[in-house]
N, C-alpha and C. Protein backbone atom coordinates (compact mmCIF):
# COMPACT_ATOMS: atom_id res chain seq x y z
N MET A 1 -34.24 1.19 40.83
CA MET A 1 -33.68 2.26 40.26
C MET A 1 -32.48 1.49 40.02
N ALA A 2 -32.00 0.88 40.64
CA ALA A 2 -30.69 -0.49 40.11
C ALA A 2 -30.69 -0.96 39.30
N MET A 3 -31.98 -1.79 39.68
CA MET A 3 -32.45 -2.67 38.38
C MET A 3 -32.39 -2.03 36.90
N ALA A 4 -32.65 -0.98 36.75
CA ALA A 4 -32.84 0.34 35.82
C ALA A 4 -31.80 0.18 35.16
N VAL A 5 -30.64 0.68 35.95
CA VAL A 5 -29.13 0.68 35.94
C VAL A 5 -28.78 -0.43 34.98
N TRP A 6 -28.94 -1.65 36.02
CA TRP A 6 -28.44 -2.82 34.95
C TRP A 6 -28.79 -3.08 33.78
N VAL A 7 -29.67 -3.23 33.87
CA VAL A 7 -30.74 -3.12 32.37
C VAL A 7 -30.18 -2.49 31.17
N VAL A 8 -29.19 -1.04 31.58
CA VAL A 8 -29.22 -0.17 30.56
C VAL A 8 -27.55 -0.95 30.14
N ILE A 9 -26.97 -0.84 31.49
CA ILE A 9 -25.48 -1.82 31.20
C ILE A 9 -25.28 -3.31 30.20
N LEU A 10 -26.51 -4.02 30.13
CA LEU A 10 -26.38 -4.71 29.86
C LEU A 10 -27.02 -4.64 28.50
N VAL A 11 -27.82 -3.91 28.00
CA VAL A 11 -28.20 -3.72 26.77
C VAL A 11 -26.48 -2.73 25.81
N ALA A 12 -26.19 -1.89 26.74
CA ALA A 12 -25.54 -1.02 26.04
C ALA A 12 -23.92 -2.42 26.23
N LEU A 13 -23.93 -3.34 26.61
CA LEU A 13 -22.93 -4.23 26.22
C LEU A 13 -23.63 -5.33 25.12
N SER A 14 -24.33 -5.61 25.32
CA SER A 14 -24.65 -6.75 24.07
C SER A 14 -24.75 -5.69 22.90
N VAL A 15 -25.10 -4.55 22.53
CA VAL A 15 -24.75 -3.89 21.35
C VAL A 15 -23.26 -4.09 21.22
N ALA A 16 -22.67 -3.34 21.96
CA ALA A 16 -21.07 -3.28 21.46
C ALA A 16 -21.13 -4.73 21.19
N SER A 17 -21.58 -5.56 21.41
CA SER A 17 -20.94 -7.23 21.39
C SER A 17 -21.14 -7.23 20.06
N LEU A 18 -22.82 -6.99 19.65
CA LEU A 18 -22.99 -7.13 18.23
C LEU A 18 -22.50 -6.37 17.24
N ALA A 19 -22.46 -5.41 17.64
CA ALA A 19 -21.64 -4.17 16.34
C ALA A 19 -20.64 -5.12 16.46
N ASP A 20 -19.27 -5.49 17.56
CA ASP A 20 -18.00 -5.98 17.47
C ASP A 20 -18.64 -7.47 16.68
N ALA A 21 -19.21 -8.30 16.65
CA ALA A 21 -19.33 -9.47 15.89
C ALA A 21 -19.46 -9.45 14.25
N GLY A 22 -19.76 -8.20 13.31
CA GLY A 22 -19.55 -7.84 12.45
C GLY A 22 -18.55 -7.53 11.95
N ALA A 23 -17.42 -6.55 13.00
CA ALA A 23 -16.46 -5.98 11.98
C ALA A 23 -15.43 -6.82 11.56
N GLN A 24 -14.68 -6.51 10.39
CA GLN A 24 -13.42 -7.10 10.07
C GLN A 24 -12.21 -6.79 11.03
N PRO A 25 -11.99 -7.90 11.44
CA PRO A 25 -10.87 -7.17 12.25
C PRO A 25 -9.71 -6.81 11.39
N VAL A 26 -8.82 -6.22 12.26
CA VAL A 26 -7.73 -5.40 11.69
C VAL A 26 -6.63 -5.82 12.43
N GLY A 27 -5.55 -6.31 10.95
CA GLY A 27 -4.34 -6.32 11.66
C GLY A 27 -3.06 -5.54 11.43
N LYS A 28 -2.80 -6.49 11.17
CA LYS A 28 -1.22 -5.80 10.36
C LYS A 28 -1.17 -6.03 9.47
N GLU A 29 0.04 -5.17 9.50
CA GLU A 29 0.61 -4.90 7.07
C GLU A 29 1.85 -5.68 7.17
N TYR A 30 1.95 -6.93 6.08
CA TYR A 30 3.29 -7.20 5.74
C TYR A 30 3.59 -7.28 4.24
N GLU A 31 5.01 -7.01 3.90
CA GLU A 31 5.20 -6.19 3.00
C GLU A 31 5.68 -7.43 2.31
N VAL A 32 5.52 -7.96 1.00
CA VAL A 32 5.96 -9.01 0.31
C VAL A 32 6.92 -8.55 -0.79
N LYS A 33 8.09 -8.77 -1.16
CA LYS A 33 9.03 -8.76 -2.08
C LYS A 33 8.50 -9.51 -3.43
N TRP A 34 7.58 -9.09 -4.26
CA TRP A 34 7.19 -10.45 -5.31
C TRP A 34 7.97 -10.04 -6.72
N ASP A 35 8.71 -11.40 -6.35
CA ASP A 35 10.12 -10.78 -7.76
C ASP A 35 10.04 -12.50 -7.89
N PHE A 36 11.09 -13.09 -8.64
CA PHE A 36 11.77 -14.68 -9.31
C PHE A 36 12.44 -14.98 -7.14
N PRO A 37 12.63 -15.84 -6.90
CA PRO A 37 12.80 -16.33 -6.00
C PRO A 37 14.33 -16.57 -6.41
N THR A 38 15.25 -16.23 -5.63
CA THR A 38 16.83 -15.69 -5.69
C THR A 38 16.98 -16.76 -5.09
N GLY A 39 16.74 -17.76 -4.43
CA GLY A 39 17.27 -18.71 -3.66
C GLY A 39 15.77 -19.25 -3.23
N ASP A 40 15.95 -20.87 -2.57
CA ASP A 40 15.53 -21.43 -1.81
C ASP A 40 14.35 -21.38 -0.84
N LYS A 41 15.17 -19.86 0.22
CA LYS A 41 14.88 -19.45 0.99
C LYS A 41 13.85 -17.88 0.68
N PHE A 42 14.00 -17.76 -0.23
CA PHE A 42 13.56 -16.19 -0.32
C PHE A 42 12.21 -15.83 -0.13
N PHE A 43 11.17 -16.36 0.02
CA PHE A 43 9.71 -16.24 0.46
C PHE A 43 9.95 -17.04 1.74
N SER A 44 11.11 -17.49 2.32
CA SER A 44 10.70 -18.27 3.57
C SER A 44 10.09 -17.88 4.61
N ALA A 45 10.87 -16.29 5.48
CA ALA A 45 10.62 -15.66 6.42
C ALA A 45 8.47 -15.15 5.53
N ILE A 46 7.80 -14.88 5.09
CA ILE A 46 6.88 -14.53 4.62
C ILE A 46 5.83 -16.19 4.91
N GLN A 47 6.49 -17.15 4.41
CA GLN A 47 5.66 -18.03 4.89
C GLN A 47 6.15 -19.38 5.95
N GLY A 48 7.07 -18.35 6.60
CA GLY A 48 7.16 -19.64 8.05
C GLY A 48 6.24 -18.25 8.67
N LYS A 49 6.01 -17.73 8.55
CA LYS A 49 5.12 -17.25 10.12
C LYS A 49 3.80 -17.12 9.91
N THR A 50 3.22 -17.50 11.23
CA THR A 50 1.45 -17.59 10.75
C THR A 50 1.12 -16.23 11.19
N TYR A 51 -0.28 -15.87 10.61
CA TYR A 51 -0.37 -14.86 10.48
C TYR A 51 -2.28 -14.90 11.16
N LEU A 52 -2.41 -13.65 11.23
CA LEU A 52 -4.15 -13.72 11.90
C LEU A 52 -5.04 -13.32 11.24
N VAL A 53 -5.66 -13.67 11.17
CA VAL A 53 -7.25 -13.28 10.48
C VAL A 53 -7.27 -11.73 10.82
N GLY A 54 -7.57 -11.04 9.56
CA GLY A 54 -7.63 -9.49 9.51
C GLY A 54 -6.02 -9.16 9.06
N ASP A 55 -4.80 -9.74 9.17
CA ASP A 55 -3.57 -9.08 8.31
C ASP A 55 -3.63 -9.24 7.30
N THR A 56 -2.68 -8.51 6.78
CA THR A 56 -2.80 -8.18 5.43
C THR A 56 -1.19 -8.11 4.46
N LEU A 57 -1.51 -9.04 3.41
CA LEU A 57 0.14 -9.18 2.72
C LEU A 57 -0.18 -7.81 1.68
N LYS A 58 1.03 -6.97 1.21
CA LYS A 58 1.40 -6.51 0.90
C LYS A 58 2.49 -6.92 -0.12
N PHE A 59 1.45 -6.63 -1.62
CA PHE A 59 2.89 -7.12 -2.16
C PHE A 59 3.45 -6.06 -3.63
N LYS A 60 4.69 -5.87 -3.64
CA LYS A 60 4.80 -5.11 -3.82
C LYS A 60 5.78 -5.52 -5.31
N TYR A 61 6.20 -5.52 -6.40
CA TYR A 61 6.20 -5.93 -7.15
C TYR A 61 6.24 -4.48 -8.83
N MET A 62 7.20 -4.77 -10.00
CA MET A 62 7.02 -4.21 -11.09
C MET A 62 5.74 -4.69 -12.02
N GLN A 63 4.90 -3.61 -11.95
CA GLN A 63 3.85 -4.05 -12.63
C GLN A 63 3.68 -4.50 -14.07
N GLU A 64 4.71 -4.09 -14.82
CA GLU A 64 4.99 -4.34 -15.88
C GLU A 64 5.39 -5.97 -16.12
N LEU A 65 5.88 -6.69 -15.72
CA LEU A 65 6.46 -7.65 -15.32
C LEU A 65 5.27 -8.64 -14.58
N HIS A 66 4.49 -8.78 -13.35
CA HIS A 66 3.97 -9.63 -12.64
C HIS A 66 2.90 -8.78 -12.44
N ASN A 67 2.24 -10.04 -11.82
CA ASN A 67 0.76 -10.20 -11.58
C ASN A 67 0.80 -10.59 -9.99
N VAL A 68 -0.27 -10.88 -9.39
CA VAL A 68 -0.26 -12.06 -8.20
C VAL A 68 -2.17 -11.88 -8.07
N VAL A 69 -2.36 -13.30 -7.95
CA VAL A 69 -3.73 -13.77 -8.11
C VAL A 69 -3.83 -14.45 -7.10
N LYS A 70 -4.94 -14.67 -5.97
CA LYS A 70 -5.37 -15.96 -4.74
C LYS A 70 -6.00 -16.64 -5.34
N VAL A 71 -5.26 -17.81 -5.34
CA VAL A 71 -6.39 -19.34 -5.67
C VAL A 71 -6.57 -20.21 -4.42
N GLY A 72 -7.85 -20.64 -4.47
CA GLY A 72 -8.14 -21.57 -3.61
C GLY A 72 -8.32 -22.78 -3.16
N THR A 73 -7.58 -23.81 -4.50
CA THR A 73 -6.75 -25.00 -3.99
C THR A 73 -4.82 -25.35 -3.82
N PHE A 74 -4.94 -26.31 -3.20
CA PHE A 74 -3.22 -26.45 -2.78
C PHE A 74 -3.04 -26.88 -4.61
N ASP A 75 -3.83 -27.82 -5.46
CA ASP A 75 -3.83 -28.05 -6.58
C ASP A 75 -3.00 -26.75 -7.34
N ASP A 76 -4.24 -25.71 -7.56
CA ASP A 76 -3.96 -24.94 -8.68
C ASP A 76 -2.21 -24.03 -7.81
N PHE A 77 -2.80 -23.91 -6.17
CA PHE A 77 -0.72 -23.64 -6.17
C PHE A 77 0.45 -24.28 -6.65
N ASN A 78 0.31 -25.70 -6.34
CA ASN A 78 1.15 -26.63 -6.60
C ASN A 78 1.19 -26.50 -8.32
N GLN A 79 0.40 -26.77 -8.91
CA GLN A 79 0.06 -27.35 -10.78
C GLN A 79 0.46 -25.65 -10.94
N CYS A 80 -0.03 -24.64 -10.56
CA CYS A 80 0.06 -23.09 -10.84
C CYS A 80 -0.77 -23.31 -11.88
N THR A 81 -1.87 -23.48 -12.21
CA THR A 81 -3.37 -23.39 -12.44
C THR A 81 -3.86 -21.95 -11.93
N THR A 82 -5.40 -21.54 -12.48
CA THR A 82 -6.29 -21.04 -12.17
C THR A 82 -7.47 -21.73 -12.21
N THR A 83 -7.65 -22.43 -11.74
CA THR A 83 -9.20 -23.74 -12.31
C THR A 83 -10.25 -22.56 -10.68
N LYS A 84 -9.18 -22.65 -9.82
CA LYS A 84 -10.37 -22.05 -9.06
C LYS A 84 -9.53 -20.28 -8.28
N VAL A 85 -10.49 -19.75 -9.04
CA VAL A 85 -9.77 -17.96 -8.66
C VAL A 85 -10.56 -17.65 -7.30
N LEU A 86 -9.61 -16.87 -6.58
CA LEU A 86 -10.44 -16.09 -4.96
C LEU A 86 -10.23 -14.84 -5.50
N SER A 87 -9.28 -14.20 -6.32
CA SER A 87 -9.59 -12.56 -5.91
C SER A 87 -9.73 -12.53 -7.66
N PRO A 88 -9.18 -10.66 -7.97
CA PRO A 88 -8.90 -10.64 -9.69
C PRO A 88 -7.59 -10.49 -9.92
N GLU A 89 -7.28 -10.86 -11.08
CA GLU A 89 -5.55 -10.41 -11.59
C GLU A 89 -5.12 -9.47 -11.43
N PHE A 90 -4.89 -9.24 -10.48
CA PHE A 90 -4.39 -7.64 -9.78
C PHE A 90 -2.96 -7.51 -10.07
N ALA A 91 -2.51 -6.31 -11.15
CA ALA A 91 -0.95 -5.70 -11.70
C ALA A 91 -0.67 -4.59 -11.60
N ASP A 92 -1.44 -4.12 -10.58
CA ASP A 92 -1.23 -2.79 -10.24
C ASP A 92 0.50 -2.77 -9.59
N GLY A 93 1.06 -3.45 -9.19
CA GLY A 93 2.12 -3.33 -8.78
C GLY A 93 2.49 -3.27 -7.42
N ASP A 94 1.47 -2.98 -6.26
CA ASP A 94 1.08 -2.33 -5.12
C ASP A 94 -0.12 -2.95 -4.94
N THR A 95 -0.33 -4.40 -4.25
CA THR A 95 -1.73 -5.42 -4.31
C THR A 95 -1.96 -5.51 -2.14
N SER A 96 -2.64 -5.38 -2.16
CA SER A 96 -2.87 -5.33 -1.18
C SER A 96 -4.18 -7.19 -0.76
N MET A 97 -3.58 -7.85 -0.10
CA MET A 97 -4.92 -8.75 0.02
C MET A 97 -5.25 -9.38 1.84
N LEU A 98 -5.62 -9.33 2.16
CA LEU A 98 -6.45 -9.58 3.11
C LEU A 98 -7.00 -11.02 3.80
N LEU A 99 -5.73 -11.15 4.50
CA LEU A 99 -6.24 -12.99 4.74
C LEU A 99 -7.15 -12.93 5.50
N ASP A 100 -9.11 -12.91 5.06
CA ASP A 100 -9.99 -12.63 6.01
C ASP A 100 -10.40 -14.27 6.60
N LYS A 101 -10.00 -14.72 6.59
CA LYS A 101 -10.78 -16.27 7.22
C LYS A 101 -9.25 -17.37 7.56
N PRO A 102 -9.75 -18.08 8.24
CA PRO A 102 -8.43 -18.82 9.38
C PRO A 102 -8.17 -20.44 7.80
N GLY A 103 -7.09 -20.73 7.55
CA GLY A 103 -6.87 -21.81 7.26
C GLY A 103 -5.33 -20.62 6.22
N VAL A 104 -5.18 -22.14 5.31
CA VAL A 104 -4.18 -21.70 4.36
C VAL A 104 -5.09 -21.22 3.00
N HIS A 105 -3.86 -19.91 2.53
CA HIS A 105 -4.07 -19.03 1.49
C HIS A 105 -2.84 -18.95 0.56
N TYR A 106 -3.55 -19.42 -0.56
CA TYR A 106 -2.50 -19.63 -1.84
C TYR A 106 -2.27 -18.26 -2.68
N PHE A 107 -0.97 -18.19 -2.63
CA PHE A 107 -0.82 -16.88 -3.98
C PHE A 107 0.24 -17.06 -5.02
N ILE A 108 0.21 -16.95 -6.18
CA ILE A 108 0.32 -17.24 -7.31
C ILE A 108 1.03 -15.82 -8.37
N CYS A 109 2.05 -15.98 -8.98
CA CYS A 109 1.46 -14.85 -10.43
C CYS A 109 0.84 -15.97 -11.10
N SER A 110 -0.01 -15.24 -12.19
CA SER A 110 -0.06 -15.73 -13.19
C SER A 110 0.53 -15.76 -14.45
N ILE A 111 1.59 -15.01 -14.98
CA ILE A 111 2.13 -14.70 -15.69
C ILE A 111 2.88 -16.40 -16.58
N PRO A 112 2.55 -17.01 -17.82
CA PRO A 112 3.41 -17.98 -18.16
C PRO A 112 4.87 -18.31 -17.45
N GLY A 113 4.75 -19.21 -16.12
CA GLY A 113 6.58 -19.59 -15.94
C GLY A 113 6.45 -18.83 -15.02
N HIS A 114 6.58 -17.65 -14.72
CA HIS A 114 6.63 -16.87 -13.17
C HIS A 114 5.91 -18.02 -12.24
N CYS A 115 5.15 -18.43 -12.24
CA CYS A 115 4.93 -19.70 -11.13
C CYS A 115 5.65 -20.53 -10.91
N SER A 116 5.47 -21.04 -11.99
CA SER A 116 6.50 -22.94 -11.84
C SER A 116 7.60 -22.07 -11.42
N ASP A 117 8.37 -21.30 -11.70
CA ASP A 117 9.95 -21.26 -11.97
C ASP A 117 9.70 -20.33 -9.85
N GLY A 118 8.72 -20.64 -9.13
CA GLY A 118 8.53 -20.17 -7.97
C GLY A 118 8.48 -18.99 -7.21
N MET A 119 7.09 -18.09 -8.19
CA MET A 119 6.67 -17.14 -7.64
C MET A 119 5.33 -17.24 -7.50
N LYS A 120 5.51 -17.77 -6.20
CA LYS A 120 4.53 -18.61 -5.32
C LYS A 120 4.51 -18.77 -3.69
N ILE A 121 3.73 -18.03 -3.52
CA ILE A 121 3.50 -18.26 -1.93
C ILE A 121 2.52 -18.79 -1.06
N LYS A 122 2.38 -19.74 0.09
CA LYS A 122 1.26 -19.95 0.59
C LYS A 122 1.56 -20.28 2.18
N VAL A 123 0.38 -18.93 3.12
CA VAL A 123 0.17 -18.98 4.34
C VAL A 123 -0.75 -18.95 5.19
N LEU A 124 -0.75 -19.13 6.39
CA LEU A 124 -1.30 -19.82 7.21
C LEU A 124 -2.07 -18.35 7.91
N ALA A 125 -3.34 -18.42 7.94
CA ALA A 125 -3.88 -17.35 9.14
C ALA A 125 -4.89 -17.86 10.18
N VAL A 126 -4.74 -17.47 11.31
CA VAL A 126 -5.46 -18.28 12.39
C VAL A 126 -6.10 -17.15 13.42
N ASN A 127 -7.65 -17.60 13.33
CA ASN A 127 -8.60 -16.99 14.23
C ASN A 127 -7.89 -16.21 15.56
N ARG A 128 -7.97 -14.51 15.74
CA ARG A 128 -7.26 -14.05 16.72
C ARG A 128 -7.66 -14.33 17.73
N PRO A 129 -7.00 -14.07 18.52
CA PRO A 129 -7.47 -14.17 20.29
C PRO A 129 -8.51 -14.00 20.89
N ARG A 130 -9.48 -14.20 21.70
CA ARG A 130 -11.02 -13.61 21.47
C ARG A 130 -10.02 -12.28 22.69
N LYS A 131 -10.91 -11.44 22.92
CA LYS A 131 -10.94 -10.00 24.08
C LYS A 131 -11.30 -10.48 25.16
N LEU A 132 -10.92 -10.53 26.24
CA LEU A 132 -11.58 -10.73 27.74
C LEU A 132 -12.18 -9.22 27.83
N MET A 133 -13.07 -9.38 28.58
CA MET A 133 -14.07 -7.92 28.60
C MET A 133 -13.32 -7.70 30.25
């Protein structure tokens, strides 16, 4: 009887672990005032932070003036090009971007001239610490 109880417990833990493995981590949401920078430190609070996988950046901007695009390479970010785009071009004024994997994430405004005038950010996301059972 005791053995059956342990088997049930182990099966339950295994199922819970498998269910959790496929789940997208839920993190915090951080608002980004997405506009032309007004100084060198305009985006520094956003860029200077380390995020966790599952966190979301919520870009707030005037939809008639700007957009936000996630690009996949430092070269695209640095040169303000869109050769490797990882997201659609969002222009709704209220765009949420999930940091879905560890590494550096690059975001630019693809309206001509905006990125080169400083409307771009890069952020670092790291894996969430493992939960202890």
